[in-house]
Amino acid sequence: MSRFPMTTLATELVSMVTTVIGEVRPRLINAALSGDRRNRVNKRHADNFLSDFDILLHERYRELFAKVLPSFVYASEEADPQVIGSDPDPDLCVLVDPLDTSEMAVRALYGYTHVMVYSRHLARPIAAVVGDFFHHLRLYMAIRDDDGQDHASLITADDEQHRLQVGEETALNEALVTNFLMKPDRFRYLAKQAQLIDALQAPAQNGATLGRIGVDFGSISLCHVAAGFTDATLEVLKGFAVWDLAPGHYILQAAGGSVIDLAGNALPLDYGFGTLTDIGHAMDRRQTFVAASSDALAQAIAAKVRES
């Protein structure tokens, strides 16, 4: 365990996400045990599950951020971007996915929450926290310190803090690669990636088949790569929305990992949040990608996807 310097903003984000998890986790567990898993009509994203918890957390984060930041653009999955505070054109943009995998969260299986603060002046994130509602490994985060350096770390439920830094390079045929394949169309499309699957199944030097495919979700999938729990994650069909990709992208990049598009180009941390209109457009876009512990592994995966 080791401690790292925390900016005031990062400390506030950790406190905020910890508060939200503490408030909502018992209610999610109760929903699971009682069988009360009702979903609402989602007018913004028709194919997405929407629970009362998504809306509750959307409003709760807006309230909590307003106590910390005098003015900001609030860009949540659940509503159009809006300016909060007296400044009509604030520098900071707060990007929020209040409850990721909500259809799993109301079953007490998996549930995550993403917050990121983005400086429009710097055209990049300056702090992000991805929270896990149900596991001991509770918070994944990245911060930009006062010297302009990015740091990634993990905080457990008992407040142990660990630096996140990707380790040694892994060969594709020995890698654990994850994908958000919960929906049938995504599962079917991944199954068609014959070149990638063959590469994962290729024997290692000892003759064993070590390559694996696993399931993961939104930003947390990139955080798991940053922590070294998995080697890579990819999205090759619909793409991730910015609130699913950006927080984990920043955390993985701060840990030394690689995030590229399917053509092999590095994805920038500049998400094009120049104006309120730009932010609205960014919220409507989706991005396919490969994220890995090394650029070599990311490029190898992307090449196999292109060949399939």
C-alpha atoms as a PDB file:
ATOM      1  CA  MET A   1       0.000   0.000   0.000  1.00  0.00           C
ATOM      2  CA  SER A   2       1.242   3.509  -0.774  1.00  0.00           C
ATOM      3  CA  ARG A   3      -0.136   7.028  -0.704  1.00  0.00           C
ATOM      4  CA  PHE A   4       0.094   9.574  -3.492  1.00  0.00           C
ATOM      5  CA  PRO A   5      -0.389  13.321  -3.544  1.00  0.00           C
ATOM      6  CA  MET A   6      -4.046  14.215  -4.090  1.00  0.00           C
ATOM      7  CA  THR A   7      -5.290  17.473  -5.524  1.00  0.00           C
ATOM      8  CA  THR A   8      -8.205  19.107  -3.749  1.00  0.00           C
ATOM      9  CA  LEU A   9     -10.433  18.275  -6.695  1.00  0.00           C
ATOM     10  CA  ALA A  10      -9.423  14.609  -6.670  1.00  0.00           C
ATOM     11  CA  THR A  11     -10.097  14.413  -2.926  1.00  0.00           C
ATOM     12  CA  GLU A  12     -13.558  15.906  -3.486  1.00  0.00           C
ATOM     13  CA  LEU A  13     -14.299  13.397  -6.267  1.00  0.00           C
ATOM     14  CA  VAL A  14     -13.250  10.445  -4.121  1.00  0.00           C
ATOM     15  CA  SER A  15     -15.441  11.703  -1.278  1.00  0.00           C
ATOM     16  CA  MET A  16     -18.343  12.285  -3.643  1.00  0.00           C
ATOM     17  CA  VAL A  17     -18.262   8.853  -5.272  1.00  0.00           C
ATOM     18  CA  THR A  18     -17.757   7.164  -1.899  1.00  0.00           C
ATOM     19  CA  THR A  19     -20.811   9.005  -0.574  1.00  0.00           C
ATOM     20  CA  VAL A  20     -22.940   7.990  -3.548  1.00  0.00           C
ATOM     21  CA  ILE A  21     -21.902   4.337  -3.287  1.00  0.00           C
ATOM     22  CA  GLY A  22     -22.663   4.306   0.436  1.00  0.00           C
ATOM     23  CA  GLU A  23     -26.091   5.844  -0.107  1.00  0.00           C
ATOM     24  CA  VAL A  24     -27.201   3.698  -3.025  1.00  0.00           C
ATOM     25  CA  ARG A  25     -25.609   0.265  -2.542  1.00  0.00           C
ATOM     26  CA  PRO A  26     -28.088  -0.809   0.204  1.00  0.00           C
ATOM     27  CA  ARG A  27     -30.982   0.233  -2.009  1.00  0.00           C
ATOM     28  CA  LEU A  28     -29.621  -1.708  -4.980  1.00  0.00           C
ATOM     29  CA  ILE A  29     -29.218  -4.798  -2.811  1.00  0.00           C
ATOM     30  CA  ASN A  30     -32.767  -4.386  -1.532  1.00  0.00           C
ATOM     31  CA  ALA A  31     -34.030  -4.076  -5.119  1.00  0.00           C
ATOM     32  CA  ALA A  32     -32.274  -7.323  -5.994  1.00  0.00           C
ATOM     33  CA  LEU A  33     -33.518  -9.268  -2.994  1.00  0.00           C
ATOM     34  CA  SER A  34     -37.078  -7.962  -3.253  1.00  0.00           C
ATOM     35  CA  GLY A  35     -37.305  -8.527  -7.004  1.00  0.00           C
ATOM     36  CA  ASP A  36     -38.294  -4.875  -7.531  1.00  0.00           C
ATOM     37  CA  ARG A  37     -36.188  -4.311 -10.680  1.00  0.00           C
ATOM     38  CA  ARG A  38     -38.576  -2.140 -12.655  1.00  0.00           C
ATOM     39  CA  ASN A  39     -37.219  -0.182 -15.578  1.00  0.00           C
ATOM     40  CA  ARG A  40     -38.524   3.039 -17.051  1.00  0.00           C
ATOM     41  CA  VAL A  41     -39.093   4.108 -20.626  1.00  0.00           C
ATOM     42  CA  ASN A  42     -35.770   5.586 -21.768  1.00  0.00           C
ATOM     43  CA  LYS A  43     -36.591   8.519 -24.024  1.00  0.00           C
ATOM     44  CA  ARG A  44     -32.928   9.447 -24.639  1.00  0.00           C
ATOM     45  CA  HIS A  45     -31.502   5.986 -25.347  1.00  0.00           C
ATOM     46  CA  ALA A  46     -34.303   3.685 -26.418  1.00  0.00           C
ATOM     47  CA  ASP A  47     -32.266   0.456 -26.278  1.00  0.00           C
ATOM     48  CA  ASN A  48     -30.805   1.118 -22.813  1.00  0.00           C
ATOM     49  CA  PHE A  49     -32.189  -0.055 -19.484  1.00  0.00           C
ATOM     50  CA  LEU A  50     -33.177   2.902 -17.288  1.00  0.00           C
ATOM     51  CA  SER A  51     -33.970   2.534 -13.593  1.00  0.00           C
ATOM     52  CA  ASP A  52     -35.089   4.979 -10.936  1.00  0.00           C
ATOM     53  CA  PHE A  53     -31.531   4.748  -9.612  1.00  0.00           C
ATOM     54  CA  ASP A  54     -30.085   6.208 -12.830  1.00  0.00           C
ATOM     55  CA  ILE A  55     -32.223   9.328 -12.437  1.00  0.00           C
ATOM     56  CA  LEU A  56     -31.640   9.553  -8.692  1.00  0.00           C
ATOM     57  CA  LEU A  57     -27.866   9.450  -9.142  1.00  0.00           C
ATOM     58  CA  HIS A  58     -27.984  11.895 -12.044  1.00  0.00           C
ATOM     59  CA  GLU A  59     -29.663  14.434  -9.769  1.00  0.00           C
ATOM     60  CA  ARG A  60     -27.505  13.579  -6.760  1.00  0.00           C
ATOM     61  CA  TYR A  61     -24.230  14.134  -8.634  1.00  0.00           C
ATOM     62  CA  ARG A  62     -25.469  17.456  -9.975  1.00  0.00           C
ATOM     63  CA  GLU A  63     -26.262  18.518  -6.410  1.00  0.00           C
ATOM     64  CA  LEU A  64     -22.908  17.348  -5.030  1.00  0.00           C
ATOM     65  CA  PHE A  65     -20.830  18.946  -7.787  1.00  0.00           C
ATOM     66  CA  ALA A  66     -22.648  22.252  -7.294  1.00  0.00           C
ATOM     67  CA  LYS A  67     -21.306  22.304  -3.727  1.00  0.00           C
ATOM     68  CA  VAL A  68     -17.712  21.834  -4.963  1.00  0.00           C
ATOM     69  CA  LEU A  69     -17.489  23.794  -8.222  1.00  0.00           C
ATOM     70  CA  PRO A  70     -18.844  27.348  -8.564  1.00  0.00           C
ATOM     71  CA  SER A  71     -19.636  26.889 -12.277  1.00  0.00           C
ATOM     72  CA  PHE A  72     -19.403  23.952 -14.682  1.00  0.00           C
ATOM     73  CA  VAL A  73     -21.046  22.250 -17.634  1.00  0.00           C
ATOM     74  CA  TYR A  74     -22.929  19.195 -16.409  1.00  0.00           C
ATOM     75  CA  ALA A  75     -22.842  16.481 -19.105  1.00  0.00           C
ATOM     76  CA  SER A  76     -24.660  13.390 -17.861  1.00  0.00           C
ATOM     77  CA  GLU A  77     -25.883  10.352 -19.772  1.00  0.00           C
ATOM     78  CA  GLU A  78     -29.382  11.071 -18.529  1.00  0.00           C
ATOM     79  CA  ALA A  79     -29.903  14.652 -19.770  1.00  0.00           C
ATOM     80  CA  ASP A  80     -28.727  17.276 -22.244  1.00  0.00           C
ATOM     81  CA  PRO A  81     -25.615  19.221 -21.174  1.00  0.00           C
ATOM     82  CA  GLN A  82     -26.411  22.222 -18.985  1.00  0.00           C
ATOM     83  CA  VAL A  83     -24.450  25.054 -17.409  1.00  0.00           C
ATOM     84  CA  ILE A  84     -24.549  25.097 -13.609  1.00  0.00           C
ATOM     85  CA  GLY A  85     -23.566  28.290 -11.761  1.00  0.00           C
ATOM     86  CA  SER A  86     -23.214  31.945 -12.682  1.00  0.00           C
ATOM     87  CA  ASP A  87     -20.487  31.668 -15.352  1.00  0.00           C
ATOM     88  CA  PRO A  88     -22.189  31.250 -18.759  1.00  0.00           C
ATOM     89  CA  ASP A  89     -19.066  29.676 -20.273  1.00  0.00           C
ATOM     90  CA  PRO A  90     -17.185  27.780 -17.520  1.00  0.00           C
ATOM     91  CA  ASP A  91     -13.874  26.044 -18.137  1.00  0.00           C
ATOM     92  CA  LEU A  92     -14.743  22.791 -16.403  1.00  0.00           C
ATOM     93  CA  CYS A  93     -17.026  20.144 -17.840  1.00  0.00           C
ATOM     94  CA  VAL A  94     -18.285  17.384 -15.533  1.00  0.00           C
ATOM     95  CA  LEU A  95     -18.965  14.141 -17.412  1.00  0.00           C
ATOM     96  CA  VAL A  96     -21.107  11.594 -15.552  1.00  0.00           C
ATOM     97  CA  ASP A  97     -22.486   8.123 -16.146  1.00  0.00           C
ATOM     98  CA  PRO A  98     -24.491   7.849 -12.924  1.00  0.00           C
ATOM     99  CA  LEU A  99     -25.048   4.073 -12.985  1.00  0.00           C
ATOM    100  CA  ASP A 100     -23.355   1.898 -15.588  1.00  0.00           C
ATOM    101  CA  THR A 101     -24.780  -1.607 -16.175  1.00  0.00           C
ATOM    102  CA  SER A 102     -27.928  -0.623 -14.317  1.00  0.00           C
ATOM    103  CA  GLU A 103     -29.772  -3.787 -15.407  1.00  0.00           C
ATOM    104  CA  MET A 104     -27.086  -5.760 -13.559  1.00  0.00           C
ATOM    105  CA  ALA A 105     -26.923  -3.329 -10.635  1.00  0.00           C
ATOM    106  CA  VAL A 106     -30.587  -3.830  -9.701  1.00  0.00           C
ATOM    107  CA  ARG A 107     -29.746  -7.550  -9.483  1.00  0.00           C
ATOM    108  CA  ALA A 108     -26.758  -6.799  -7.200  1.00  0.00           C
ATOM    109  CA  LEU A 109     -24.392  -8.471  -9.690  1.00  0.00           C
ATOM    110  CA  TYR A 110     -22.353  -5.594 -11.140  1.00  0.00           C
ATOM    111  CA  GLY A 111     -22.720  -1.849 -10.884  1.00  0.00           C
ATOM    112  CA  TYR A 112     -20.394   1.050 -11.648  1.00  0.00           C
ATOM    113  CA  THR A 113     -20.470   4.820 -11.552  1.00  0.00           C
ATOM    114  CA  HIS A 114     -18.243   7.173 -13.604  1.00  0.00           C
ATOM    115  CA  VAL A 115     -17.328  10.809 -13.012  1.00  0.00           C
ATOM    116  CA  MET A 116     -14.733  12.869 -14.851  1.00  0.00           C
ATOM    117  CA  VAL A 117     -13.749  16.536 -14.741  1.00  0.00           C
ATOM    118  CA  TYR A 118     -12.477  17.934 -18.036  1.00  0.00           C
ATOM    119  CA  SER A 119     -10.744  21.277 -18.565  1.00  0.00           C
ATOM    120  CA  ARG A 120     -11.972  22.840 -21.788  1.00  0.00           C
ATOM    121  CA  HIS A 121      -8.984  25.208 -21.739  1.00  0.00           C
ATOM    122  CA  LEU A 122      -6.526  22.301 -21.536  1.00  0.00           C
ATOM    123  CA  ALA A 123      -8.704  20.141 -23.826  1.00  0.00           C
ATOM    124  CA  ARG A 124      -8.201  17.099 -21.591  1.00  0.00           C
ATOM    125  CA  PRO A 125      -9.367  15.472 -18.362  1.00  0.00           C
ATOM    126  CA  ILE A 126      -7.842  16.560 -15.070  1.00  0.00           C
ATOM    127  CA  ALA A 127      -9.513  14.053 -12.725  1.00  0.00           C
ATOM    128  CA  ALA A 128     -11.646  10.935 -13.026  1.00  0.00           C
ATOM    129  CA  VAL A 129     -13.064   8.330 -10.653  1.00  0.00           C
ATOM    130  CA  VAL A 130     -14.757   5.058 -11.584  1.00  0.00           C
ATOM    131  CA  GLY A 131     -16.555   3.483  -8.632  1.00  0.00           C
ATOM    132  CA  ASP A 132     -17.537  -0.167  -8.133  1.00  0.00           C
ATOM    133  CA  PHE A 133     -20.675  -0.608  -6.015  1.00  0.00           C
ATOM    134  CA  PHE A 134     -20.256  -4.244  -5.007  1.00  0.00           C
ATOM    135  CA  HIS A 135     -16.572  -5.185  -4.907  1.00  0.00           C
ATOM    136  CA  HIS A 136     -13.798  -4.615  -2.389  1.00  0.00           C
ATOM    137  CA  LEU A 137     -11.670  -2.927  -5.059  1.00  0.00           C
ATOM    138  CA  ARG A 138     -13.837   0.159  -4.862  1.00  0.00           C
ATOM    139  CA  LEU A 139     -12.400   3.214  -6.679  1.00  0.00           C
ATOM    140  CA  TYR A 140     -10.200   3.560  -9.761  1.00  0.00           C
ATOM    141  CA  MET A 141      -8.936   7.065 -10.366  1.00  0.00           C
ATOM    142  CA  ALA A 142      -6.592   9.346 -12.271  1.00  0.00           C
ATOM    143  CA  ILE A 143      -5.521  12.889 -11.427  1.00  0.00           C
ATOM    144  CA  ARG A 144      -3.407  15.587 -13.029  1.00  0.00           C
ATOM    145  CA  ASP A 145      -1.146  17.067 -10.372  1.00  0.00           C
ATOM    146  CA  ASP A 146       0.013  20.666 -10.034  1.00  0.00           C
ATOM    147  CA  ASP A 147       3.084  19.893 -12.166  1.00  0.00           C
ATOM    148  CA  GLY A 148       0.935  18.601 -15.041  1.00  0.00           C
ATOM    149  CA  GLN A 149       1.706  14.915 -14.420  1.00  0.00           C
ATOM    150  CA  ASP A 150      -1.013  12.253 -14.509  1.00  0.00           C
ATOM    151  CA  HIS A 151      -1.253   9.581 -11.805  1.00  0.00           C
ATOM    152  CA  ALA A 152      -3.521   6.532 -11.646  1.00  0.00           C
ATOM    153  CA  SER A 153      -4.416   4.665  -8.483  1.00  0.00           C
ATOM    154  CA  LEU A 154      -6.849   2.221  -6.918  1.00  0.00           C
ATOM    155  CA  ILE A 155      -8.528   2.639  -3.536  1.00  0.00           C
ATOM    156  CA  THR A 156     -10.017  -0.371  -1.753  1.00  0.00           C
ATOM    157  CA  ALA A 157     -13.088  -0.416   0.468  1.00  0.00           C
ATOM    158  CA  ASP A 158     -10.838  -0.292   3.553  1.00  0.00           C
ATOM    159  CA  ASP A 159      -8.998   2.761   2.176  1.00  0.00           C
ATOM    160  CA  GLU A 160      -5.793   1.128   0.964  1.00  0.00           C
ATOM    161  CA  GLN A 161      -4.361   2.991  -2.021  1.00  0.00           C
ATOM    162  CA  HIS A 162      -2.300   1.349  -4.760  1.00  0.00           C
ATOM    163  CA  ARG A 163      -0.564   2.872  -7.756  1.00  0.00           C
ATOM    164  CA  LEU A 164      -1.839   1.675 -11.132  1.00  0.00           C
ATOM    165  CA  GLN A 165       0.912   1.101 -13.674  1.00  0.00           C
ATOM    166  CA  VAL A 166       0.752  -1.433 -16.492  1.00  0.00           C
ATOM    167  CA  GLY A 167       3.301  -4.206 -16.310  1.00  0.00           C
ATOM    168  CA  GLU A 168       5.253  -6.316 -18.757  1.00  0.00           C
ATOM    169  CA  GLU A 169       4.085  -6.726 -22.327  1.00  0.00           C
ATOM    170  CA  THR A 170       1.794  -9.703 -22.980  1.00  0.00           C
ATOM    171  CA  ALA A 171       1.675 -11.650 -26.247  1.00  0.00           C
ATOM    172  CA  LEU A 172      -1.717 -11.870 -27.932  1.00  0.00           C
ATOM    173  CA  ASN A 173      -1.891 -15.660 -27.647  1.00  0.00           C
ATOM    174  CA  GLU A 174      -1.380 -15.359 -23.878  1.00  0.00           C
ATOM    175  CA  ALA A 175      -3.708 -12.405 -23.266  1.00  0.00           C
ATOM    176  CA  LEU A 176      -6.992 -12.148 -21.398  1.00  0.00           C
ATOM    177  CA  VAL A 177      -9.084  -9.926 -23.681  1.00  0.00           C
ATOM    178  CA  THR A 178     -12.497  -8.691 -22.577  1.00  0.00           C
ATOM    179  CA  ASN A 179     -15.496  -7.299 -24.411  1.00  0.00           C
ATOM    180  CA  PHE A 180     -18.916  -5.921 -23.525  1.00  0.00           C
ATOM    181  CA  LEU A 181     -20.703  -8.930 -25.021  1.00  0.00           C
ATOM    182  CA  MET A 182     -23.765  -9.044 -22.777  1.00  0.00           C
ATOM    183  CA  LYS A 183     -26.181  -8.021 -25.532  1.00  0.00           C
ATOM    184  CA  PRO A 184     -26.781 -10.732 -28.140  1.00  0.00           C
ATOM    185  CA  ASP A 185     -25.834  -8.580 -31.149  1.00  0.00           C
ATOM    186  CA  ARG A 186     -22.461  -7.736 -29.609  1.00  0.00           C
ATOM    187  CA  PHE A 187     -21.828 -11.371 -28.706  1.00  0.00           C
ATOM    188  CA  ARG A 188     -22.705 -12.496 -32.238  1.00  0.00           C
ATOM    189  CA  TYR A 189     -20.437  -9.875 -33.819  1.00  0.00           C
ATOM    190  CA  LEU A 190     -17.476 -10.760 -31.603  1.00  0.00           C
ATOM    191  CA  ALA A 191     -17.935 -14.427 -32.480  1.00  0.00           C
ATOM    192  CA  LYS A 192     -17.408 -13.476 -36.130  1.00  0.00           C
ATOM    193  CA  GLN A 193     -13.909 -12.114 -35.410  1.00  0.00           C
ATOM    194  CA  ALA A 194     -12.314 -15.343 -36.608  1.00  0.00           C
ATOM    195  CA  GLN A 195      -8.742 -14.026 -36.950  1.00  0.00           C
ATOM    196  CA  LEU A 196      -8.758 -12.641 -33.417  1.00  0.00           C
ATOM    197  CA  ILE A 197     -10.216 -15.825 -31.943  1.00  0.00           C
ATOM    198  CA  ASP A 198      -7.684 -17.974 -33.834  1.00  0.00           C
ATOM    199  CA  ALA A 199      -4.855 -15.766 -32.544  1.00  0.00           C
ATOM    200  CA  LEU A 200      -6.051 -16.134 -28.962  1.00  0.00           C
ATOM    201  CA  GLN A 201      -6.271 -19.896 -29.418  1.00  0.00           C
ATOM    202  CA  ALA A 202      -2.760 -20.247 -30.837  1.00  0.00           C
ATOM    203  CA  PRO A 203      -0.561 -22.361 -28.514  1.00  0.00           C
ATOM    204  CA  ALA A 204       1.948 -20.619 -26.277  1.00  0.00           C
ATOM    205  CA  GLN A 205       5.597 -21.692 -26.108  1.00  0.00           C
ATOM    206  CA  ASN A 206       4.724 -24.457 -23.640  1.00  0.00           C
ATOM    207  CA  GLY A 207       2.014 -25.774 -25.974  1.00  0.00           C
ATOM    208  CA  ALA A 208      -0.876 -24.658 -23.762  1.00  0.00           C
ATOM    209  CA  THR A 209      -3.748 -22.501 -24.979  1.00  0.00           C
ATOM    210  CA  LEU A 210      -3.509 -19.432 -22.730  1.00  0.00           C
ATOM    211  CA  GLY A 211      -5.529 -16.811 -24.624  1.00  0.00           C
ATOM    212  CA  ARG A 212      -8.896 -16.019 -23.100  1.00  0.00           C
ATOM    213  CA  ILE A 213     -12.024 -13.984 -23.842  1.00  0.00           C
ATOM    214  CA  GLY A 214     -13.903 -12.467 -20.900  1.00  0.00           C
ATOM    215  CA  VAL A 215     -16.878 -10.197 -20.338  1.00  0.00           C
ATOM    216  CA  ASP A 216     -16.536  -6.675 -18.984  1.00  0.00           C
ATOM    217  CA  PHE A 217     -18.507  -3.454 -19.130  1.00  0.00           C
ATOM    218  CA  GLY A 218     -17.906   0.284 -19.657  1.00  0.00           C
ATOM    219  CA  SER A 219     -15.089   2.390 -18.222  1.00  0.00           C
ATOM    220  CA  ILE A 220     -14.402  -0.283 -15.628  1.00  0.00           C
ATOM    221  CA  SER A 221     -13.079  -2.539 -18.411  1.00  0.00           C
ATOM    222  CA  LEU A 222     -10.260  -0.075 -19.137  1.00  0.00           C
ATOM    223  CA  CYS A 223      -9.625   0.308 -15.396  1.00  0.00           C
ATOM    224  CA  HIS A 224      -9.162  -3.461 -15.108  1.00  0.00           C
ATOM    225  CA  VAL A 225      -6.482  -3.227 -17.813  1.00  0.00           C
ATOM    226  CA  ALA A 226      -4.842  -0.352 -15.925  1.00  0.00           C
ATOM    227  CA  ALA A 227      -4.738  -2.489 -12.784  1.00  0.00           C
ATOM    228  CA  GLY A 228      -3.279  -5.487 -14.617  1.00  0.00           C
ATOM    229  CA  PHE A 229      -6.311  -7.692 -13.925  1.00  0.00           C
ATOM    230  CA  THR A 230      -6.876  -8.078 -17.684  1.00  0.00           C
ATOM    231  CA  ASP A 231      -4.605  -7.462 -20.647  1.00  0.00           C
ATOM    232  CA  ALA A 232      -6.923  -5.743 -23.108  1.00  0.00           C
ATOM    233  CA  THR A 233     -10.516  -4.816 -23.850  1.00  0.00           C
ATOM    234  CA  LEU A 234     -12.177  -3.936 -27.134  1.00  0.00           C
ATOM    235  CA  GLU A 235     -15.414  -2.617 -28.624  1.00  0.00           C
ATOM    236  CA  VAL A 236     -15.836  -3.382 -32.314  1.00  0.00           C
ATOM    237  CA  LEU A 237     -19.558  -3.052 -33.095  1.00  0.00           C
ATOM    238  CA  LYS A 238     -21.535  -0.046 -31.856  1.00  0.00           C
ATOM    239  CA  GLY A 239     -18.778   1.822 -30.067  1.00  0.00           C
ATOM    240  CA  PHE A 240     -18.835   3.295 -26.570  1.00  0.00           C
ATOM    241  CA  ALA A 241     -20.469   6.607 -25.775  1.00  0.00           C
ATOM    242  CA  VAL A 242     -18.125   9.244 -24.375  1.00  0.00           C
ATOM    243  CA  TRP A 243     -19.367   8.806 -20.784  1.00  0.00           C
ATOM    244  CA  ASP A 244     -18.496   5.085 -20.972  1.00  0.00           C
ATOM    245  CA  LEU A 245     -15.107   5.486 -22.628  1.00  0.00           C
ATOM    246  CA  ALA A 246     -13.548   8.752 -21.426  1.00  0.00           C
ATOM    247  CA  PRO A 247     -13.069   8.146 -17.657  1.00  0.00           C
ATOM    248  CA  GLY A 248     -11.493   4.723 -18.178  1.00  0.00           C
ATOM    249  CA  HIS A 249      -9.489   6.005 -21.148  1.00  0.00           C
ATOM    250  CA  TYR A 250      -7.921   8.676 -18.945  1.00  0.00           C
ATOM    251  CA  ILE A 251      -7.211   6.243 -16.094  1.00  0.00           C
ATOM    252  CA  LEU A 252      -5.612   3.660 -18.396  1.00  0.00           C
ATOM    253  CA  GLN A 253      -3.500   6.266 -20.188  1.00  0.00           C
ATOM    254  CA  ALA A 254      -2.338   7.643 -16.823  1.00  0.00           C
ATOM    255  CA  ALA A 255      -1.275   4.087 -15.917  1.00  0.00           C
ATOM    256  CA  GLY A 256       0.798   3.829 -19.101  1.00  0.00           C
ATOM    257  CA  GLY A 257      -1.615   1.837 -21.269  1.00  0.00           C
ATOM    258  CA  SER A 258      -2.710   2.325 -24.871  1.00  0.00           C
ATOM    259  CA  VAL A 259      -6.124   3.170 -26.367  1.00  0.00           C
ATOM    260  CA  ILE A 260      -6.413   3.129 -30.164  1.00  0.00           C
ATOM    261  CA  ASP A 261      -9.100   3.093 -32.836  1.00  0.00           C
ATOM    262  CA  LEU A 262      -9.548   0.060 -35.076  1.00  0.00           C
ATOM    263  CA  ALA A 263      -7.256   1.618 -37.703  1.00  0.00           C
ATOM    264  CA  GLY A 264      -4.443   1.671 -35.150  1.00  0.00           C
ATOM    265  CA  ASN A 265      -4.447   5.410 -34.366  1.00  0.00           C
ATOM    266  CA  ALA A 266      -4.038   6.582 -30.771  1.00  0.00           C
ATOM    267  CA  LEU A 267      -7.227   8.108 -29.379  1.00  0.00           C
ATOM    268  CA  PRO A 268      -6.588  11.599 -27.946  1.00  0.00           C
ATOM    269  CA  LEU A 269      -7.838  12.750 -24.567  1.00  0.00           C
ATOM    270  CA  ASP A 270      -9.239  15.833 -26.306  1.00  0.00           C
ATOM    271  CA  TYR A 271     -12.935  14.975 -26.599  1.00  0.00           C
ATOM    272  CA  GLY A 272     -13.893  18.138 -28.450  1.00  0.00           C
ATOM    273  CA  PHE A 273     -15.723  19.898 -25.612  1.00  0.00           C
ATOM    274  CA  GLY A 274     -14.989  23.374 -27.001  1.00  0.00           C
ATOM    275  CA  THR A 275     -18.516  24.824 -26.811  1.00  0.00           C
ATOM    276  CA  LEU A 276     -21.807  23.728 -25.294  1.00  0.00           C
ATOM    277  CA  THR A 277     -22.903  22.696 -28.790  1.00  0.00           C
ATOM    278  CA  ASP A 278     -19.686  20.695 -29.225  1.00  0.00           C
ATOM    279  CA  ILE A 279     -20.349  18.918 -25.929  1.00  0.00           C
ATOM    280  CA  GLY A 280     -23.844  18.007 -27.092  1.00  0.00           C
ATOM    281  CA  HIS A 281     -22.443  16.551 -30.321  1.00  0.00           C
ATOM    282  CA  ALA A 282     -19.766  14.642 -28.391  1.00  0.00           C
ATOM    283  CA  MET A 283     -22.470  13.079 -26.219  1.00  0.00           C
ATOM    284  CA  ASP A 284     -24.136  11.690 -29.361  1.00  0.00           C
ATOM    285  CA  ARG A 285     -21.025  10.062 -30.834  1.00  0.00           C
ATOM    286  CA  ARG A 286     -19.789   6.510 -30.332  1.00  0.00           C
ATOM    287  CA  GLN A 287     -16.223   5.228 -30.613  1.00  0.00           C
ATOM    288  CA  THR A 288     -14.941   1.752 -31.420  1.00  0.00           C
ATOM    289  CA  PHE A 289     -11.549   1.034 -29.872  1.00  0.00           C
ATOM    290  CA  VAL A 290      -8.959  -1.361 -28.520  1.00  0.00           C
ATOM    291  CA  ALA A 291      -7.452  -0.657 -25.101  1.00  0.00           C
ATOM    292  CA  ALA A 292      -4.476  -2.653 -23.876  1.00  0.00           C
ATOM    293  CA  SER A 293      -1.607  -2.738 -21.434  1.00  0.00           C
ATOM    294  CA  SER A 294       0.816  -1.998 -24.282  1.00  0.00           C
ATOM    295  CA  ASP A 295       0.584  -0.403 -27.703  1.00  0.00           C
ATOM    296  CA  ALA A 296       2.031  -3.551 -29.291  1.00  0.00           C
ATOM    297  CA  LEU A 297      -0.809  -5.677 -27.908  1.00  0.00           C
ATOM    298  CA  ALA A 298      -3.422  -3.090 -28.876  1.00  0.00           C
ATOM    299  CA  GLN A 299      -2.050  -2.951 -32.424  1.00  0.00           C
ATOM    300  CA  ALA A 300      -1.974  -6.764 -32.688  1.00  0.00           C
ATOM    301  CA  ILE A 301      -5.623  -6.998 -31.646  1.00  0.00           C
ATOM    302  CA  ALA A 302      -6.723  -4.211 -33.984  1.00  0.00           C
ATOM    303  CA  ALA A 303      -4.885  -5.866 -36.883  1.00  0.00           C
ATOM    304  CA  LYS A 304      -6.710  -9.155 -36.267  1.00  0.00           C
ATOM    305  CA  VAL A 305     -10.050  -7.334 -36.163  1.00  0.00           C
ATOM    306  CA  ARG A 306      -9.252  -5.685 -39.500  1.00  0.00           C
ATOM    307  CA  GLU A 307      -8.375  -9.074 -40.988  1.00  0.00           C
ATOM    308  CA  SER A 308     -11.638 -10.715 -39.861  1.00  0.00           C
END
